[in-house]
Each structure stands twice: as C-alpha cells, then as structure tokens.
Amino acid sequence: AVCYLWQYAPTWAWWLMNRMGKRRIQNFKSGV
C-alpha cells in the first residue's frame, strides 16, 4: 500500500515516511 501511495500521492507518502522513519531510526539507535 505504501508503494501505491508513493507512486500516486507522493506528498502523503513523504509525510507518512517521515513519521515511520523517525520511529525506525529511534529503534535502530536503541538496538531494536
């Protein structure tokens, strides 16, 4: 679903990826 969002609604995809990415980076830094 994220692929389709990135393809057809990139502004929404950037917003979503920023939110998901922040959590992903926090997990990475904490060793998860």
PDB file of all heavy atoms in Angstrom:
ATOM      1  N   ALA A   1       0.835  -1.204   0.000  1.00  0.00           N
ATOM      2  CA  ALA A   1       0.000   0.000   0.000  1.00  0.00           C
ATOM      3  C   ALA A   1       0.871   1.256   0.000  1.00  0.00           C
ATOM      4  O   ALA A   1       0.536   2.253  -0.660  1.00  0.00           O
ATOM      5  CB  ALA A   1      -0.925  -0.005   1.218  1.00  0.00           C
ATOM      6  N   VAL A   2       1.981   1.207   0.706  1.00  0.00           N
ATOM      7  CA  VAL A   2       2.892   2.351   0.731  1.00  0.00           C
ATOM      8  C   VAL A   2       3.483   2.597  -0.655  1.00  0.00           C
ATOM      9  O   VAL A   2       3.691   3.740  -1.064  1.00  0.00           O
ATOM     10  CB  VAL A   2       4.002   2.135   1.777  1.00  0.00           C
ATOM     11  CG1 VAL A   2       5.030   3.264   1.713  1.00  0.00           C
ATOM     12  CG2 VAL A   2       3.412   2.044   3.177  1.00  0.00           C
ATOM     13  N   CYS A   3       3.746   1.515  -1.404  1.00  0.00           N
ATOM     14  CA  CYS A   3       4.256   1.665  -2.771  1.00  0.00           C
ATOM     15  C   CYS A   3       3.274   2.444  -3.635  1.00  0.00           C
ATOM     16  O   CYS A   3       3.658   3.351  -4.386  1.00  0.00           O
ATOM     17  CB  CYS A   3       4.513   0.295  -3.400  1.00  0.00           C
ATOM     18  SG  CYS A   3       5.825  -0.648  -2.635  1.00  0.00           S
ATOM     19  N   TYR A   4       2.007   2.075  -3.543  1.00  0.00           N
ATOM     20  CA  TYR A   4       0.987   2.776  -4.329  1.00  0.00           C
ATOM     21  C   TYR A   4       0.856   4.221  -3.884  1.00  0.00           C
ATOM     22  O   TYR A   4       0.679   5.138  -4.707  1.00  0.00           O
ATOM     23  CB  TYR A   4      -0.359   2.056  -4.199  1.00  0.00           C
ATOM     24  CG  TYR A   4      -0.460   0.832  -5.080  1.00  0.00           C
ATOM     25  CD1 TYR A   4      -0.204  -0.433  -4.578  1.00  0.00           C
ATOM     26  CD2 TYR A   4      -0.802   0.947  -6.430  1.00  0.00           C
ATOM     27  CE1 TYR A   4      -0.278  -1.563  -5.383  1.00  0.00           C
ATOM     28  CE2 TYR A   4      -0.877  -0.170  -7.247  1.00  0.00           C
ATOM     29  CZ  TYR A   4      -0.614  -1.419  -6.714  1.00  0.00           C
ATOM     30  OH  TYR A   4      -0.684  -2.521  -7.517  1.00  0.00           O
ATOM     31  N   LEU A   5       0.946   4.451  -2.570  1.00  0.00           N
ATOM     32  CA  LEU A   5       0.877   5.813  -2.050  1.00  0.00           C
ATOM     33  C   LEU A   5       2.044   6.635  -2.572  1.00  0.00           C
ATOM     34  O   LEU A   5       1.882   7.780  -3.004  1.00  0.00           O
ATOM     35  CB  LEU A   5       0.888   5.778  -0.519  1.00  0.00           C
ATOM     36  CG  LEU A   5       0.510   7.080   0.204  1.00  0.00           C
ATOM     37  CD1 LEU A   5      -0.940   7.437  -0.083  1.00  0.00           C
ATOM     38  CD2 LEU A   5       0.719   6.916   1.715  1.00  0.00           C
ATOM     39  N   TRP A   6       3.235   6.047  -2.571  1.00  0.00           N
ATOM     40  CA  TRP A   6       4.427   6.736  -3.055  1.00  0.00           C
ATOM     41  C   TRP A   6       4.302   7.070  -4.541  1.00  0.00           C
ATOM     42  O   TRP A   6       4.769   8.117  -4.997  1.00  0.00           O
ATOM     43  CB  TRP A   6       5.657   5.863  -2.803  1.00  0.00           C
ATOM     44  CG  TRP A   6       6.946   6.619  -2.846  1.00  0.00           C
ATOM     45  CD1 TRP A   6       7.682   6.921  -3.950  1.00  0.00           C
ATOM     46  CD2 TRP A   6       7.655   7.181  -1.738  1.00  0.00           C
ATOM     47  NE1 TRP A   6       8.814   7.626  -3.605  1.00  0.00           N
ATOM     48  CE2 TRP A   6       8.821   7.795  -2.261  1.00  0.00           C
ATOM     49  CE3 TRP A   6       7.439   7.199  -0.362  1.00  0.00           C
ATOM     50  CZ2 TRP A   6       9.746   8.436  -1.436  1.00  0.00           C
ATOM     51  CZ3 TRP A   6       8.369   7.833   0.444  1.00  0.00           C
ATOM     52  CH2 TRP A   6       9.495   8.442  -0.085  1.00  0.00           C
ATOM     53  N   GLN A   7       3.656   6.176  -5.282  1.00  0.00           N
ATOM     54  CA  GLN A   7       3.528   6.353  -6.725  1.00  0.00           C
ATOM     55  C   GLN A   7       2.484   7.409  -7.081  1.00  0.00           C
ATOM     56  O   GLN A   7       2.706   8.228  -7.974  1.00  0.00           O
ATOM     57  CB  GLN A   7       3.145   5.020  -7.376  1.00  0.00           C
ATOM     58  CG  GLN A   7       3.069   5.048  -8.888  1.00  0.00           C
ATOM     59  CD  GLN A   7       4.430   4.925  -9.548  1.00  0.00           C
ATOM     60  OE1 GLN A   7       5.430   4.720  -8.878  1.00  0.00           O
ATOM     61  NE2 GLN A   7       4.482   5.054 -10.857  1.00  0.00           N
ATOM     62  N   TYR A   8       1.345   7.391  -6.380  1.00  0.00           N
ATOM     63  CA  TYR A   8       0.215   8.204  -6.809  1.00  0.00           C
ATOM     64  C   TYR A   8      -0.085   9.393  -5.902  1.00  0.00           C
ATOM     65  O   TYR A   8      -0.796  10.307  -6.320  1.00  0.00           O
ATOM     66  CB  TYR A   8      -1.035   7.322  -6.918  1.00  0.00           C
ATOM     67  CG  TYR A   8      -0.890   6.228  -7.947  1.00  0.00           C
ATOM     68  CD1 TYR A   8      -0.793   4.898  -7.568  1.00  0.00           C
ATOM     69  CD2 TYR A   8      -0.820   6.528  -9.310  1.00  0.00           C
ATOM     70  CE1 TYR A   8      -0.636   3.886  -8.501  1.00  0.00           C
ATOM     71  CE2 TYR A   8      -0.660   5.531 -10.252  1.00  0.00           C
ATOM     72  CZ  TYR A   8      -0.575   4.210  -9.845  1.00  0.00           C
ATOM     73  OH  TYR A   8      -0.410   3.213 -10.768  1.00  0.00           O
ATOM     74  N   ALA A   9       0.434   9.386  -4.684  1.00  0.00           N
ATOM     75  CA  ALA A   9       0.204  10.507  -3.769  1.00  0.00           C
ATOM     76  C   ALA A   9       1.496  10.766  -2.986  1.00  0.00           C
ATOM     77  O   ALA A   9       1.569  10.534  -1.779  1.00  0.00           O
ATOM     78  CB  ALA A   9      -0.954  10.202  -2.815  1.00  0.00           C
ATOM     79  N   PRO A  10       2.540  11.226  -3.679  1.00  0.00           N
ATOM     80  CA  PRO A  10       3.862  11.325  -3.047  1.00  0.00           C
ATOM     81  C   PRO A  10       3.915  12.258  -1.848  1.00  0.00           C
ATOM     82  O   PRO A  10       4.682  12.018  -0.915  1.00  0.00           O
ATOM     83  CB  PRO A  10       4.760  11.822  -4.191  1.00  0.00           C
ATOM     84  CG  PRO A  10       3.833  12.409  -5.207  1.00  0.00           C
ATOM     85  CD  PRO A  10       2.574  11.629  -5.102  1.00  0.00           C
ATOM     86  N   THR A  11       3.115  13.317  -1.841  1.00  0.00           N
ATOM     87  CA  THR A  11       3.134  14.219  -0.685  1.00  0.00           C
ATOM     88  C   THR A  11       2.686  13.496   0.573  1.00  0.00           C
ATOM     89  O   THR A  11       3.293  13.653   1.645  1.00  0.00           O
ATOM     90  CB  THR A  11       2.236  15.447  -0.932  1.00  0.00           C
ATOM     91  OG1 THR A  11       2.700  16.130  -2.112  1.00  0.00           O
ATOM     92  CG2 THR A  11       2.296  16.405   0.259  1.00  0.00           C
ATOM     93  N   TRP A  12       1.633  12.710   0.458  1.00  0.00           N
ATOM     94  CA  TRP A  12       1.187  11.902   1.605  1.00  0.00           C
ATOM     95  C   TRP A  12       2.247  10.871   1.972  1.00  0.00           C
ATOM     96  O   TRP A  12       2.472  10.596   3.142  1.00  0.00           O
ATOM     97  CB  TRP A  12      -0.125  11.204   1.282  1.00  0.00           C
ATOM     98  CG  TRP A  12      -1.310  12.112   1.251  1.00  0.00           C
ATOM     99  CD1 TRP A  12      -1.304  13.458   1.452  1.00  0.00           C
ATOM    100  CD2 TRP A  12      -2.654  11.749   0.992  1.00  0.00           C
ATOM    101  NE1 TRP A  12      -2.573  13.965   1.329  1.00  0.00           N
ATOM    102  CE2 TRP A  12      -3.419  12.939   1.048  1.00  0.00           C
ATOM    103  CE3 TRP A  12      -3.294  10.551   0.690  1.00  0.00           C
ATOM    104  CZ2 TRP A  12      -4.794  12.940   0.841  1.00  0.00           C
ATOM    105  CZ3 TRP A  12      -4.669  10.553   0.476  1.00  0.00           C
ATOM    106  CH2 TRP A  12      -5.410  11.738   0.563  1.00  0.00           C
ATOM    107  N   ALA A  13       2.886  10.288   0.961  1.00  0.00           N
ATOM    108  CA  ALA A  13       3.907   9.273   1.221  1.00  0.00           C
ATOM    109  C   ALA A  13       5.090   9.868   1.975  1.00  0.00           C
ATOM    110  O   ALA A  13       5.632   9.240   2.896  1.00  0.00           O
ATOM    111  CB  ALA A  13       4.384   8.666  -0.108  1.00  0.00           C
ATOM    112  N   TRP A  14       5.510  11.070   1.612  1.00  0.00           N
ATOM    113  CA  TRP A  14       6.610  11.722   2.322  1.00  0.00           C
ATOM    114  C   TRP A  14       6.235  11.975   3.781  1.00  0.00           C
ATOM    115  O   TRP A  14       7.043  11.779   4.683  1.00  0.00           O
ATOM    116  CB  TRP A  14       6.975  13.036   1.636  1.00  0.00           C
ATOM    117  CG  TRP A  14       7.598  12.851   0.288  1.00  0.00           C
ATOM    118  CD1 TRP A  14       8.361  11.796  -0.139  1.00  0.00           C
ATOM    119  CD2 TRP A  14       7.475  13.728  -0.826  1.00  0.00           C
ATOM    120  NE1 TRP A  14       8.721  11.965  -1.451  1.00  0.00           N
ATOM    121  CE2 TRP A  14       8.206  13.137  -1.906  1.00  0.00           C
ATOM    122  CE3 TRP A  14       6.836  14.948  -1.044  1.00  0.00           C
ATOM    123  CZ2 TRP A  14       8.300  13.744  -3.157  1.00  0.00           C
ATOM    124  CZ3 TRP A  14       6.938  15.552  -2.292  1.00  0.00           C
ATOM    125  CH2 TRP A  14       7.658  14.949  -3.327  1.00  0.00           C
ATOM    126  N   TRP A  15       4.993  12.414   3.998  1.00  0.00           N
ATOM    127  CA  TRP A  15       4.530  12.664   5.367  1.00  0.00           C
ATOM    128  C   TRP A  15       4.541  11.374   6.176  1.00  0.00           C
ATOM    129  O   TRP A  15       5.039  11.333   7.307  1.00  0.00           O
ATOM    130  CB  TRP A  15       3.114  13.255   5.333  1.00  0.00           C
ATOM    131  CG  TRP A  15       2.496  13.420   6.689  1.00  0.00           C
ATOM    132  CD1 TRP A  15       2.669  14.461   7.547  1.00  0.00           C
ATOM    133  CD2 TRP A  15       1.602  12.498   7.345  1.00  0.00           C
ATOM    134  NE1 TRP A  15       1.942  14.259   8.706  1.00  0.00           N
ATOM    135  CE2 TRP A  15       1.284  13.064   8.611  1.00  0.00           C
ATOM    136  CE3 TRP A  15       1.047  11.269   7.002  1.00  0.00           C
ATOM    137  CZ2 TRP A  15       0.436  12.428   9.512  1.00  0.00           C
ATOM    138  CZ3 TRP A  15       0.195  10.640   7.897  1.00  0.00           C
ATOM    139  CH2 TRP A  15      -0.094  11.218   9.137  1.00  0.00           C
ATOM    140  N   LEU A  16       4.017  10.296   5.576  1.00  0.00           N
ATOM    141  CA  LEU A  16       3.966   9.019   6.272  1.00  0.00           C
ATOM    142  C   LEU A  16       5.362   8.470   6.524  1.00  0.00           C
ATOM    143  O   LEU A  16       5.661   7.974   7.620  1.00  0.00           O
ATOM    144  CB  LEU A  16       3.146   8.014   5.453  1.00  0.00           C
ATOM    145  CG  LEU A  16       3.024   6.594   6.028  1.00  0.00           C
ATOM    146  CD1 LEU A  16       2.299   6.634   7.367  1.00  0.00           C
ATOM    147  CD2 LEU A  16       2.279   5.686   5.045  1.00  0.00           C
ATOM    148  N   MET A  17       6.245   8.575   5.537  1.00  0.00           N
ATOM    149  CA  MET A  17       7.592   8.050   5.687  1.00  0.00           C
ATOM    150  C   MET A  17       8.376   8.811   6.752  1.00  0.00           C
ATOM    151  O   MET A  17       9.194   8.226   7.470  1.00  0.00           O
ATOM    152  CB  MET A  17       8.325   8.090   4.348  1.00  0.00           C
ATOM    153  CG  MET A  17       9.626   7.304   4.329  1.00  0.00           C
ATOM    154  SD  MET A  17       9.412   5.536   4.698  1.00  0.00           S
ATOM    155  CE  MET A  17       8.561   4.988   3.207  1.00  0.00           C
ATOM    156  N   ASN A  18       8.117  10.103   6.871  1.00  0.00           N
ATOM    157  CA  ASN A  18       8.775  10.882   7.926  1.00  0.00           C
ATOM    158  C   ASN A  18       8.378  10.377   9.304  1.00  0.00           C
ATOM    159  O   ASN A  18       9.211  10.265  10.205  1.00  0.00           O
ATOM    160  CB  ASN A  18       8.429  12.360   7.786  1.00  0.00           C
ATOM    161  CG  ASN A  18       9.185  13.035   6.646  1.00  0.00           C
ATOM    162  OD1 ASN A  18      10.200  12.516   6.187  1.00  0.00           O
ATOM    163  ND2 ASN A  18       8.693  14.171   6.197  1.00  0.00           N
ATOM    164  N   ARG A  19       7.097  10.072   9.468  1.00  0.00           N
ATOM    165  CA  ARG A  19       6.624   9.562  10.755  1.00  0.00           C
ATOM    166  C   ARG A  19       7.166   8.152  11.029  1.00  0.00           C
ATOM    167  O   ARG A  19       7.653   7.856  12.125  1.00  0.00           O
ATOM    168  CB  ARG A  19       5.090   9.547  10.788  1.00  0.00           C
ATOM    169  CG  ARG A  19       4.465  10.939  10.788  1.00  0.00           C
ATOM    170  CD  ARG A  19       2.947  10.854  10.767  1.00  0.00           C
ATOM    171  NE  ARG A  19       2.424  10.216  11.976  1.00  0.00           N
ATOM    172  CZ  ARG A  19       2.135  10.862  13.102  1.00  0.00           C
ATOM    173  NH1 ARG A  19       2.345  12.173  13.191  1.00  0.00           N
ATOM    174  NH2 ARG A  19       1.651  10.223  14.145  1.00  0.00           N
ATOM    175  N   MET A  20       7.076   7.296  10.031  1.00  0.00           N
ATOM    176  CA  MET A  20       7.588   5.931  10.186  1.00  0.00           C
ATOM    177  C   MET A  20       9.111   5.925  10.337  1.00  0.00           C
ATOM    178  O   MET A  20       9.671   5.155  11.117  1.00  0.00           O
ATOM    179  CB  MET A  20       7.180   5.081   8.978  1.00  0.00           C
ATOM    180  CG  MET A  20       5.689   4.850   8.851  1.00  0.00           C
ATOM    181  SD  MET A  20       5.248   4.043   7.288  1.00  0.00           S
ATOM    182  CE  MET A  20       6.177   2.510   7.433  1.00  0.00           C
ATOM    183  N   GLY A  21       9.767   6.803   9.575  1.00  0.00           N
ATOM    184  CA  GLY A  21      11.212   6.845   9.598  1.00  0.00           C
ATOM    185  C   GLY A  21      11.762   7.281  10.938  1.00  0.00           C
ATOM    186  O   GLY A  21      12.789   6.763  11.401  1.00  0.00           O
ATOM    187  N   LYS A  22      11.090   8.215  11.586  1.00  0.00           N
ATOM    188  CA  LYS A  22      11.541   8.686  12.898  1.00  0.00           C
ATOM    189  C   LYS A  22      11.543   7.542  13.902  1.00  0.00           C
ATOM    190  O   LYS A  22      12.498   7.367  14.672  1.00  0.00           O
ATOM    191  CB  LYS A  22      10.637   9.821  13.378  1.00  0.00           C
ATOM    192  CG  LYS A  22      11.105  10.487  14.664  1.00  0.00           C
ATOM    193  CD  LYS A  22      10.243  11.678  14.995  1.00  0.00           C
ATOM    194  CE  LYS A  22      10.749  12.389  16.259  1.00  0.00           C
ATOM    195  NZ  LYS A  22       9.914  13.577  16.581  1.00  0.00           N
ATOM    196  N   ARG A  23      10.488   6.734  13.875  1.00  0.00           N
ATOM    197  CA  ARG A  23      10.412   5.588  14.782  1.00  0.00           C
ATOM    198  C   ARG A  23      11.458   4.536  14.423  1.00  0.00           C
ATOM    199  O   ARG A  23      12.082   3.939  15.296  1.00  0.00           O
ATOM    200  CB  ARG A  23       9.010   4.973  14.718  1.00  0.00           C
ATOM    201  CG  ARG A  23       8.789   3.833  15.718  1.00  0.00           C
ATOM    202  CD  ARG A  23       7.470   3.138  15.451  1.00  0.00           C
ATOM    203  NE  ARG A  23       6.381   4.081  15.231  1.00  0.00           N
ATOM    204  CZ  ARG A  23       5.246   3.764  14.608  1.00  0.00           C
ATOM    205  NH1 ARG A  23       5.084   2.531  14.144  1.00  0.00           N
ATOM    206  NH2 ARG A  23       4.296   4.659  14.455  1.00  0.00           N
ATOM    207  N   ARG A  24      11.671   4.336  13.125  1.00  0.00           N
ATOM    208  CA  ARG A  24      12.651   3.351  12.673  1.00  0.00           C
ATOM    209  C   ARG A  24      14.063   3.739  13.126  1.00  0.00           C
ATOM    210  O   ARG A  24      14.845   2.883  13.565  1.00  0.00           O
ATOM    211  CB  ARG A  24      12.585   3.254  11.146  1.00  0.00           C
ATOM    212  CG  ARG A  24      13.521   2.255  10.499  1.00  0.00           C
ATOM    213  CD  ARG A  24      13.278   2.254   8.999  1.00  0.00           C
ATOM    214  NE  ARG A  24      14.256   1.484   8.258  1.00  0.00           N
ATOM    215  CZ  ARG A  24      14.196   0.177   8.049  1.00  0.00           C
ATOM    216  NH1 ARG A  24      13.185  -0.508   8.540  1.00  0.00           N
ATOM    217  NH2 ARG A  24      15.128  -0.435   7.350  1.00  0.00           N
ATOM    218  N   ILE A  25      14.381   5.013  13.032  1.00  0.00           N
ATOM    219  CA  ILE A  25      15.697   5.486  13.458  1.00  0.00           C
ATOM    220  C   ILE A  25      15.861   5.356  14.967  1.00  0.00           C
ATOM    221  O   ILE A  25      16.931   4.949  15.455  1.00  0.00           O
ATOM    222  CB  ILE A  25      15.914   6.945  13.002  1.00  0.00           C
ATOM    223  CG1 ILE A  25      15.998   7.008  11.479  1.00  0.00           C
ATOM    224  CG2 ILE A  25      17.176   7.525  13.636  1.00  0.00           C
ATOM    225  CD1 ILE A  25      16.000   8.419  10.927  1.00  0.00           C
ATOM    226  N   GLN A  26      14.806   5.670  15.716  1.00  0.00           N
ATOM    227  CA  GLN A  26      14.867   5.524  17.171  1.00  0.00           C
ATOM    228  C   GLN A  26      15.100   4.071  17.554  1.00  0.00           C
ATOM    229  O   GLN A  26      15.914   3.767  18.443  1.00  0.00           O
ATOM    230  CB  GLN A  26      13.560   6.038  17.799  1.00  0.00           C
ATOM    231  CG  GLN A  26      13.401   7.557  17.738  1.00  0.00           C
ATOM    232  CD  GLN A  26      12.040   8.026  18.212  1.00  0.00           C
ATOM    233  OE1 GLN A  26      11.089   7.231  18.321  1.00  0.00           O
ATOM    234  NE2 GLN A  26      11.920   9.315  18.486  1.00  0.00           N
ATOM    235  N   ASN A  27      14.396   3.135  16.892  1.00  0.00           N
ATOM    236  CA  ASN A  27      14.596   1.718  17.167  1.00  0.00           C
ATOM    237  C   ASN A  27      16.015   1.275  16.812  1.00  0.00           C
ATOM    238  O   ASN A  27      16.633   0.486  17.542  1.00  0.00           O
ATOM    239  CB  ASN A  27      13.583   0.877  16.365  1.00  0.00           C
ATOM    240  CG  ASN A  27      12.174   1.035  16.881  1.00  0.00           C
ATOM    241  OD1 ASN A  27      11.959   1.448  18.027  1.00  0.00           O
ATOM    242  ND2 ASN A  27      11.202   0.722  16.056  1.00  0.00           N
ATOM    243  N   PHE A  28      16.526   1.793  15.703  1.00  0.00           N
ATOM    244  CA  PHE A  28      17.876   1.437  15.271  1.00  0.00           C
ATOM    245  C   PHE A  28      18.902   1.910  16.297  1.00  0.00           C
ATOM    246  O   PHE A  28      19.820   1.162  16.660  1.00  0.00           O
ATOM    247  CB  PHE A  28      18.149   2.084  13.909  1.00  0.00           C
ATOM    248  CG  PHE A  28      19.560   1.910  13.417  1.00  0.00           C
ATOM    249  CD1 PHE A  28      19.998   0.699  12.912  1.00  0.00           C
ATOM    250  CD2 PHE A  28      20.447   2.980  13.454  1.00  0.00           C
ATOM    251  CE1 PHE A  28      21.288   0.537  12.463  1.00  0.00           C
ATOM    252  CE2 PHE A  28      21.760   2.836  12.998  1.00  0.00           C
ATOM    253  CZ  PHE A  28      22.174   1.614  12.503  1.00  0.00           C
ATOM    254  N   LYS A  29      18.758   3.129  16.774  1.00  0.00           N
ATOM    255  CA  LYS A  29      19.710   3.669  17.740  1.00  0.00           C
ATOM    256  C   LYS A  29      19.651   2.951  19.084  1.00  0.00           C
ATOM    257  O   LYS A  29      20.661   2.869  19.789  1.00  0.00           O
ATOM    258  CB  LYS A  29      19.460   5.171  17.937  1.00  0.00           C
ATOM    259  CG  LYS A  29      19.862   6.020  16.740  1.00  0.00           C
ATOM    260  CD  LYS A  29      19.641   7.489  17.031  1.00  0.00           C
ATOM    261  CE  LYS A  29      20.165   8.359  15.882  1.00  0.00           C
ATOM    262  NZ  LYS A  29      19.961   9.817  16.122  1.00  0.00           N
ATOM    263  N   SER A  30      18.470   2.421  19.402  1.00  0.00           N
ATOM    264  CA  SER A  30      18.324   1.705  20.670  1.00  0.00           C
ATOM    265  C   SER A  30      18.658   0.218  20.549  1.00  0.00           C
ATOM    266  O   SER A  30      18.546  -0.533  21.505  1.00  0.00           O
ATOM    267  CB  SER A  30      16.900   1.880  21.224  1.00  0.00           C
ATOM    268  OG  SER A  30      15.944   1.315  20.342  1.00  0.00           O
ATOM    269  N   GLY A  31      19.022  -0.211  19.342  1.00  0.00           N
ATOM    270  CA  GLY A  31      19.442  -1.593  19.125  1.00  0.00           C
ATOM    271  C   GLY A  31      18.330  -2.573  18.853  1.00  0.00           C
ATOM    272  O   GLY A  31      18.549  -3.789  18.849  1.00  0.00           O
ATOM    273  N   VAL A  32      17.125  -2.074  18.557  1.00  0.00           N
ATOM    274  CA  VAL A  32      15.984  -2.948  18.259  1.00  0.00           C
ATOM    275  C   VAL A  32      16.026  -3.366  16.799  1.00  0.00           C
ATOM    276  O   VAL A  32      16.143  -2.524  15.923  1.00  0.00           O
ATOM    277  CB  VAL A  32      14.646  -2.231  18.562  1.00  0.00           C
ATOM    278  CG1 VAL A  32      13.474  -3.143  18.198  1.00  0.00           C
ATOM    279  CG2 VAL A  32      14.596  -1.833  20.015  1.00  0.00           C
TER     280      VAL A  32
END
